[in-house]
Structure formats: C-alpha cells, structure tokens
Amino acid sequence: MFFKRFRINYNDTKKTRVKSMEIQVNMPYFGYFLNFLNANFTSSSF
C-alpha cells in the first residue's frame, strides 16, 4: 500500500469544500514519491 493514511477535512457538512488533506506515505515508497513520481509523465515545451 502506497499510503498509510489519507484523510480529507471539510469546511462544511455537505463535504463540498475541502479544508485540508492529511497524507501519510509508507516509508519504503517515500523516496519514490519524492524522487521518481514525475518519471511516468511526459512533458512538452511550447
């Protein structure tokens, strides 16, 4: 599992306005998350 915890805090009871998000990444994947997350995407210059 990539995330240990994923929590969304809302500003309202209808859950339409996000106040904040808390994400905890499992340690074996933390380096990947910081260093190689952009490796699977393409970029283009204009």
Protein backbone atom coordinates (compact mmCIF):
# COMPACT_ATOMS: atom_id res chain seq x y z
CA MET A 1 0.00 0.00 0.00
CA PHE A 2 1.40 3.36 -1.02
CA PHE A 3 -0.49 5.44 1.56
CA LYS A 4 -0.76 4.52 5.23
CA ARG A 5 -3.37 7.18 5.90
CA PHE A 6 -5.39 9.53 3.74
CA ARG A 7 -7.77 11.95 5.44
CA ILE A 8 -9.80 14.81 3.97
CA ASN A 9 -11.06 17.57 6.26
CA TYR A 10 -14.02 19.60 5.02
CA ASN A 11 -15.24 23.12 5.79
CA ASP A 12 -18.90 22.17 5.55
CA THR A 13 -21.24 19.29 6.39
CA LYS A 14 -22.12 18.63 2.73
CA LYS A 15 -18.45 17.81 2.08
CA THR A 16 -18.15 20.15 -0.89
CA ARG A 17 -15.39 22.47 0.38
CA VAL A 18 -12.06 20.88 1.22
CA LYS A 19 -10.24 22.50 4.13
CA SER A 20 -7.15 20.29 4.21
CA MET A 21 -5.81 16.83 3.41
CA GLU A 22 -3.51 14.66 5.50
CA ILE A 23 -1.49 12.01 3.70
CA GLN A 24 0.96 9.57 5.26
CA VAL A 25 3.20 7.61 2.85
CA ASN A 26 4.63 4.19 3.71
CA MET A 27 8.39 4.50 4.30
CA PRO A 28 9.61 2.13 1.54
CA TYR A 29 7.83 4.31 -1.03
CA PHE A 30 8.77 7.72 0.39
CA GLY A 31 11.91 8.03 -1.76
CA TYR A 32 9.95 7.09 -4.86
CA PHE A 33 7.29 9.63 -4.02
CA LEU A 34 9.85 12.44 -3.78
CA ASN A 35 12.31 11.46 -6.50
CA PHE A 36 10.60 9.41 -9.19
CA LEU A 37 6.95 10.45 -9.20
CA ASN A 38 7.46 12.56 -12.33
CA ALA A 39 9.20 9.72 -14.22
CA ASN A 40 5.93 8.31 -15.57
CA PHE A 41 4.73 11.57 -17.09
CA THR A 42 5.63 13.30 -20.31
CA SER A 43 6.36 16.95 -20.75
CA SER A 44 6.30 19.18 -23.77
CA SER A 45 7.74 22.59 -24.40
CA PHE A 46 5.99 25.28 -26.38
